[in-house]
Protein backbone atom coordinates (compact mmCIF):
# COMPACT_ATOMS: atom_id res chain seq x y z
CA MET A 1 -21.95 -0.19 -1.42
CA GLU A 2 -18.25 -0.80 -1.45
CA LYS A 3 -16.71 -3.33 0.91
CA LEU A 4 -13.95 -2.32 3.34
CA GLU A 5 -11.29 -4.93 4.28
CA VAL A 6 -8.50 -4.57 6.86
CA LEU A 7 -5.17 -6.40 5.99
CA CYS A 8 -3.35 -6.80 9.24
CA ALA A 9 0.17 -7.96 9.39
CA THR A 10 0.88 -9.83 12.73
CA MET A 11 2.91 -12.61 14.38
CA HIS A 12 2.43 -15.50 16.78
CA GLN A 13 -1.35 -15.28 16.96
CA LYS A 14 -3.21 -18.35 18.30
CA ASP A 15 -6.75 -17.10 18.05
CA PHE A 16 -8.90 -14.05 17.01
CA GLN A 17 -8.44 -12.00 20.11
CA LYS A 18 -7.02 -9.10 17.90
CA LEU A 19 -10.60 -8.53 16.67
CA GLU A 20 -11.43 -7.04 20.17
CA GLU A 21 -8.02 -5.54 20.84
CA MET A 22 -8.07 -3.60 17.60
CA ASN A 23 -11.78 -2.66 17.87
CA LEU A 24 -12.37 -4.02 14.48
CA SER A 25 -15.76 -3.70 12.75
CA SER A 26 -15.07 -4.79 9.21
CA ASP A 27 -13.85 -7.68 7.15
CA VAL A 28 -10.24 -8.51 7.98
CA VAL A 29 -7.44 -10.75 6.90
CA PHE A 30 -4.67 -11.55 9.46
CA ALA A 31 -1.56 -12.47 7.84
CA ASN A 32 0.17 -14.25 10.80
CA GLN A 33 3.75 -15.32 10.87
CA ASP A 34 4.32 -18.15 13.33
CA ASP A 35 5.93 -21.60 13.56
CA THR A 36 3.06 -23.40 11.98
CA THR A 37 0.91 -23.32 8.77
CA SER A 38 -2.91 -23.07 8.82
CA PHE A 39 -5.91 -21.28 7.56
CA GLN A 40 -8.86 -20.24 9.68
CA GLN A 41 -11.98 -18.25 8.98
CA ILE A 42 -14.80 -17.17 11.29
CA THR A 43 -17.88 -14.89 11.28
CA TYR A 44 -18.13 -12.16 13.82
CA GLY A 45 -21.24 -9.80 13.67
CA ASP A 46 -21.80 -8.93 10.10
CA TYR A 47 -18.17 -9.55 9.10
CA THR A 48 -15.61 -12.19 8.10
CA ALA A 49 -12.28 -12.62 9.67
CA LYS A 50 -9.55 -14.84 8.02
CA MET A 51 -6.31 -15.88 9.65
CA ILE A 52 -3.54 -17.17 7.28
CA THR A 53 -0.62 -18.54 9.34
CA THR A 54 2.74 -19.33 7.69
CA GLN A 55 6.30 -19.95 8.68
CA THR A 56 7.56 -17.11 6.42
CA ARG A 57 9.34 -14.05 7.91
CA GLY A 58 9.40 -10.42 6.71
CA VAL A 59 6.65 -7.85 6.84
CA GLY A 60 6.69 -7.40 3.02
CA ARG A 61 5.98 -10.99 2.54
CA ASN A 62 3.25 -10.85 5.23
CA ARG A 63 1.47 -7.95 3.60
CA ASN A 64 1.63 -9.58 0.18
CA LEU A 65 0.16 -12.71 1.71
CA ALA A 66 -2.80 -10.60 3.03
CA LEU A 67 -3.22 -9.14 -0.42
CA LEU A 68 -3.43 -12.51 -2.04
CA TYR A 69 -6.56 -13.40 0.28
CA ALA A 70 -8.14 -9.96 -0.07
CA THR A 71 -11.62 -9.67 -1.59
CA GLY A 72 -12.65 -6.11 -0.41
CA ASP A 73 -13.07 -3.12 -2.67
CA ILE A 74 -11.13 -0.84 -0.34
CA LEU A 75 -8.10 -2.42 1.49
CA LEU A 76 -6.93 -0.86 4.64
CA PHE A 77 -3.44 -1.86 5.67
CA ALA A 78 -2.87 -2.46 9.46
CA ASP A 79 -0.41 -3.31 12.05
CA ASP A 80 -1.68 -5.22 15.01
CA ASP A 81 -0.85 -2.42 17.57
CA ILE A 82 -3.65 -0.18 16.17
CA HIS A 83 -6.83 0.42 18.11
CA TYR A 84 -9.38 1.79 15.64
CA ALA A 85 -11.82 4.52 16.22
CA GLN A 86 -15.37 3.47 16.61
CA ASP A 87 -16.53 4.84 13.33
CA TYR A 88 -13.47 4.00 11.23
CA HIS A 89 -15.50 1.68 8.81
CA ALA A 90 -17.95 4.45 7.76
CA GLN A 91 -15.33 7.26 7.69
CA VAL A 92 -12.83 5.39 5.38
CA LEU A 93 -15.68 4.56 2.97
CA ALA A 94 -16.86 8.23 3.20
CA ALA A 95 -13.36 9.38 2.31
CA PHE A 96 -13.41 7.36 -0.86
CA ALA A 97 -16.88 8.66 -1.64
CA LYS A 98 -15.69 12.20 -1.19
CA TRP A 99 -12.68 11.75 -3.53
CA PRO A 100 -14.03 9.24 -6.13
CA ASP A 101 -10.85 9.68 -8.23
CA ALA A 102 -8.68 8.65 -5.28
CA ASP A 103 -6.68 5.54 -5.58
CA VAL A 104 -4.92 5.78 -2.24
CA ILE A 105 -5.89 7.66 0.91
CA ILE A 106 -3.49 8.12 3.90
CA PHE A 107 -5.29 8.78 7.20
CA SER A 108 -4.31 10.71 10.37
CA MET A 109 -3.18 8.74 13.35
CA ASP A 110 -2.65 9.13 17.15
CA PHE A 111 0.55 7.49 18.67
CA THR A 112 0.55 6.45 22.33
CA ARG A 113 3.15 5.62 24.94
CA ASP A 114 1.98 3.88 28.20
CA GLY A 115 -1.56 4.36 27.04
CA THR A 116 -1.30 8.19 26.59
CA VAL A 117 -1.33 10.03 23.35
CA PHE A 118 1.83 11.89 22.92
CA ARG A 119 1.69 12.71 19.16
CA ARG A 120 -0.75 12.91 16.25
CA ARG A 121 0.19 12.75 12.55
CA GLN A 122 -2.51 15.24 11.53
CA ASN A 123 -3.01 15.37 7.84
CA LYS A 124 -4.83 17.94 5.62
CA ASP A 125 -7.58 17.03 3.33
CA ARG A 126 -5.73 17.27 -0.12
CA ARG A 127 -4.10 15.48 -2.88
CA ILE A 128 -0.32 14.94 -2.32
CA SER A 129 2.85 14.53 -4.48
CA ILE A 130 5.60 11.96 -4.16
CA ARG A 131 7.72 14.27 -2.05
CA SER A 132 5.08 14.61 0.70
CA GLY A 133 4.36 10.90 0.40
CA LEU A 134 7.78 9.75 1.71
CA ARG A 135 6.80 10.43 5.32
CA TYR A 136 3.88 8.01 5.63
CA GLY A 137 3.72 4.43 6.59
CA ALA A 138 1.35 1.75 5.15
CA ALA A 139 -0.65 1.21 8.36
CA SER A 140 -2.54 4.36 7.90
CA CYS A 141 -3.10 3.77 4.07
CA ALA A 142 -6.11 2.54 2.20
CA ILE A 143 -6.01 1.58 -1.46
CA ARG A 144 -8.68 0.63 -4.00
CA ARG A 145 -8.09 -3.02 -4.86
CA SER A 146 -8.87 -2.40 -8.43
CA SER A 147 -5.99 0.22 -8.64
CA LEU A 148 -3.59 -2.19 -6.98
CA GLU A 149 -4.32 -5.12 -9.34
CA ARG A 150 -4.29 -2.78 -12.44
CA HIS A 151 -0.76 -1.75 -11.61
CA THR A 152 0.47 -4.96 -10.16
CA LEU A 153 1.54 -3.34 -6.90
CA TRP A 154 3.20 -5.46 -4.28
CA PHE A 155 5.51 -4.85 -1.32
CA SER A 156 9.09 -5.48 -1.56
CA THR A 157 10.53 -8.49 0.27
CA MET A 158 13.90 -6.78 0.68
CA TYR A 159 12.82 -4.26 3.17
CA GLY A 160 10.95 -4.10 6.46
CA GLY A 161 11.04 -6.11 9.70
CA GLY A 162 12.48 -9.53 9.12
CA ALA A 163 14.12 -8.66 5.87
CA LYS A 164 17.84 -7.65 4.94
CA TYR A 165 17.05 -3.96 5.18
CA GLY A 166 15.05 -3.33 8.41
CA HIS A 167 12.58 -0.79 7.18
CA GLY A 168 11.38 0.94 3.97
CA GLU A 169 8.80 -1.42 2.45
CA ASP A 170 6.08 1.18 3.05
CA THR A 171 8.17 3.96 1.39
CA GLU A 172 9.07 1.77 -1.55
CA PHE A 173 5.40 0.71 -2.06
CA LEU A 174 4.14 4.40 -2.05
CA VAL A 175 6.94 5.59 -4.31
CA ARG A 176 5.86 2.97 -6.86
CA ALA A 177 2.25 3.96 -6.51
CA PHE A 178 3.23 7.57 -7.28
CA ARG A 179 5.41 6.56 -10.26
CA ASN A 180 2.40 4.54 -11.63
CA ARG A 181 0.51 7.80 -11.41
CA LEU A 182 -1.89 6.69 -8.85
CA ARG A 183 -3.76 9.64 -7.20
CA VAL A 184 -2.86 9.81 -3.48
CA TYR A 185 -4.76 11.84 -1.00
CA THR A 186 -4.38 12.58 2.78
CA SER A 187 -7.35 12.76 5.05
CA SER A 188 -7.71 14.65 8.26
CA TYR A 189 -9.81 11.80 9.71
CA CYS A 190 -7.89 10.04 12.68
CA LEU A 191 -8.21 6.26 12.19
CA GLY A 192 -7.41 5.48 15.89
CA GLN A 193 -4.33 5.08 17.99
CA THR A 194 -0.98 3.15 17.56
CA ALA A 195 0.91 2.05 20.46
CA THR A 196 4.71 2.64 20.20
CA ASP A 197 5.79 1.08 23.59
CA THR A 198 7.32 -1.90 21.66
CA SER A 199 8.49 -2.74 18.06
CA THR A 200 9.53 -5.85 16.47
CA TRP A 201 12.04 -3.95 14.22
CA PHE A 202 12.74 -0.43 15.32
CA THR A 203 15.53 -0.07 17.67
CA GLY A 204 16.05 3.61 17.29
CA TYR A 205 17.98 5.90 14.87
CA ASP A 206 21.21 3.85 15.11
CA GLU A 207 23.98 2.88 12.69
CA LYS A 208 21.96 0.04 11.19
CA TYR A 209 18.94 2.44 10.65
CA PHE A 210 21.01 4.82 8.57
CA TYR A 211 22.78 2.07 6.60
CA ASP A 212 19.36 0.71 5.59
CA GLN A 213 18.13 4.13 4.75
CA GLY A 214 20.95 4.59 2.31
CA ALA A 215 20.29 1.30 0.60
CA LEU A 216 16.60 2.31 0.33
CA TYR A 217 17.35 5.79 -1.09
CA ALA A 218 19.89 4.28 -3.49
CA ALA A 219 17.31 1.87 -4.82
CA LEU A 220 14.61 4.52 -5.21
CA PHE A 221 16.42 7.64 -6.11
CA GLY A 222 19.77 6.60 -7.73
CA PRO A 223 21.98 9.67 -8.01
CA LEU A 224 19.68 11.79 -5.81
CA ALA A 225 20.12 9.23 -2.94
CA LEU A 226 22.73 11.29 -1.02
CA PRO A 227 21.00 14.58 -1.09
CA MET A 228 17.62 12.91 -0.26
CA GLY A 229 19.45 11.13 2.60
CA PHE A 230 20.96 14.45 3.86
CA GLN A 231 17.60 16.07 4.02
CA PHE A 232 16.32 12.99 5.94
CA CYS A 233 19.12 13.16 8.49
CA ILE A 234 18.56 16.94 8.97
CA ARG A 235 14.87 16.37 9.58
CA LYS A 236 15.39 13.53 12.10
CA ARG A 237 18.59 14.68 13.83
CA LYS A 238 16.75 15.54 17.13
CA ARG A 239 15.73 11.86 17.36
CA PHE A 240 19.20 10.26 16.86
CA GLN A 241 20.45 7.89 19.47
CA ALA A 242 22.96 9.63 21.87
CA ASP A 243 25.95 8.01 20.29
CA ILE A 244 24.99 9.08 16.77
CA SER A 245 26.21 12.34 15.35
CA LEU A 246 25.09 13.96 12.14
CA GLU A 247 28.46 12.92 10.71
CA LYS A 248 28.11 9.39 11.76
CA ALA A 249 24.70 9.19 10.39
CA LEU A 250 25.80 10.49 7.05
CA ALA A 251 28.70 8.02 6.92
CA MET A 252 26.44 5.18 7.45
CA LEU A 253 24.00 6.50 4.93
CA ARG A 254 26.83 6.74 2.33
CA GLN A 255 27.90 3.10 3.24
CA GLY A 256 24.38 1.85 2.58
CA ILE A 257 24.25 3.71 -0.73
CA LYS A 258 27.65 2.38 -1.74
CA GLU A 259 26.82 -1.33 -0.86
CA TRP A 260 23.60 -1.09 -2.81
CA LYS A 261 25.25 0.23 -5.90
CA LYS A 262 27.52 -3.00 -5.90
CA ARG A 263 24.35 -4.95 -6.49
CA GLU A 264 23.70 -3.23 -9.71
């Protein structure tokens, strides 16, 4: 029987109350960024929970720290605002049993605001390509630890909350997974609910967001960065902040691309 382990990026935790808040029922590693340094481990039910607290900052560093302490066969990435469905443990393992060739499975997720579900990212049961994979985040993604170690996959420390570029570590990670020819599937099973009332990094589709998106696409796609960015802006234009026009978004995207190229 394979072992499932949740790897949760979190901040400023003083105890293990997230076990109940997230409805966890599996082994878990909390990578906790705070103002102290410590290691704690407890047993709850049949499972083990670890809390690794460091003074580092950046979600990429935090996810990498959790990976260093991971011992499970199947690793499920998590943010601390997820409330898991009651049967998530069995269903995640069942999905990998269903697709024994899968290296990565991305699950469906509900999103809540003020406690009410307002949107579901509903996946189909299928294998996907890199083009489809750009829309997903790590917090609904599970990976075989053997696949991760075989291809030396880590999260970039340049992208994500707390880093120079405020988002994109998930996309960068999945793109490298595809380029390493990992087999990525999506599952219709809904892992649970993610609360979107607050965010430690997302302030809306503002100028900084599009600048960072340009830098991300320049790093990942080189000469295709601008057409990829244009498609992204068209797809997201209804969610722009009120003071951001399509022209402004594209201008910031170009600026991010230009600045990234200066690094090369």
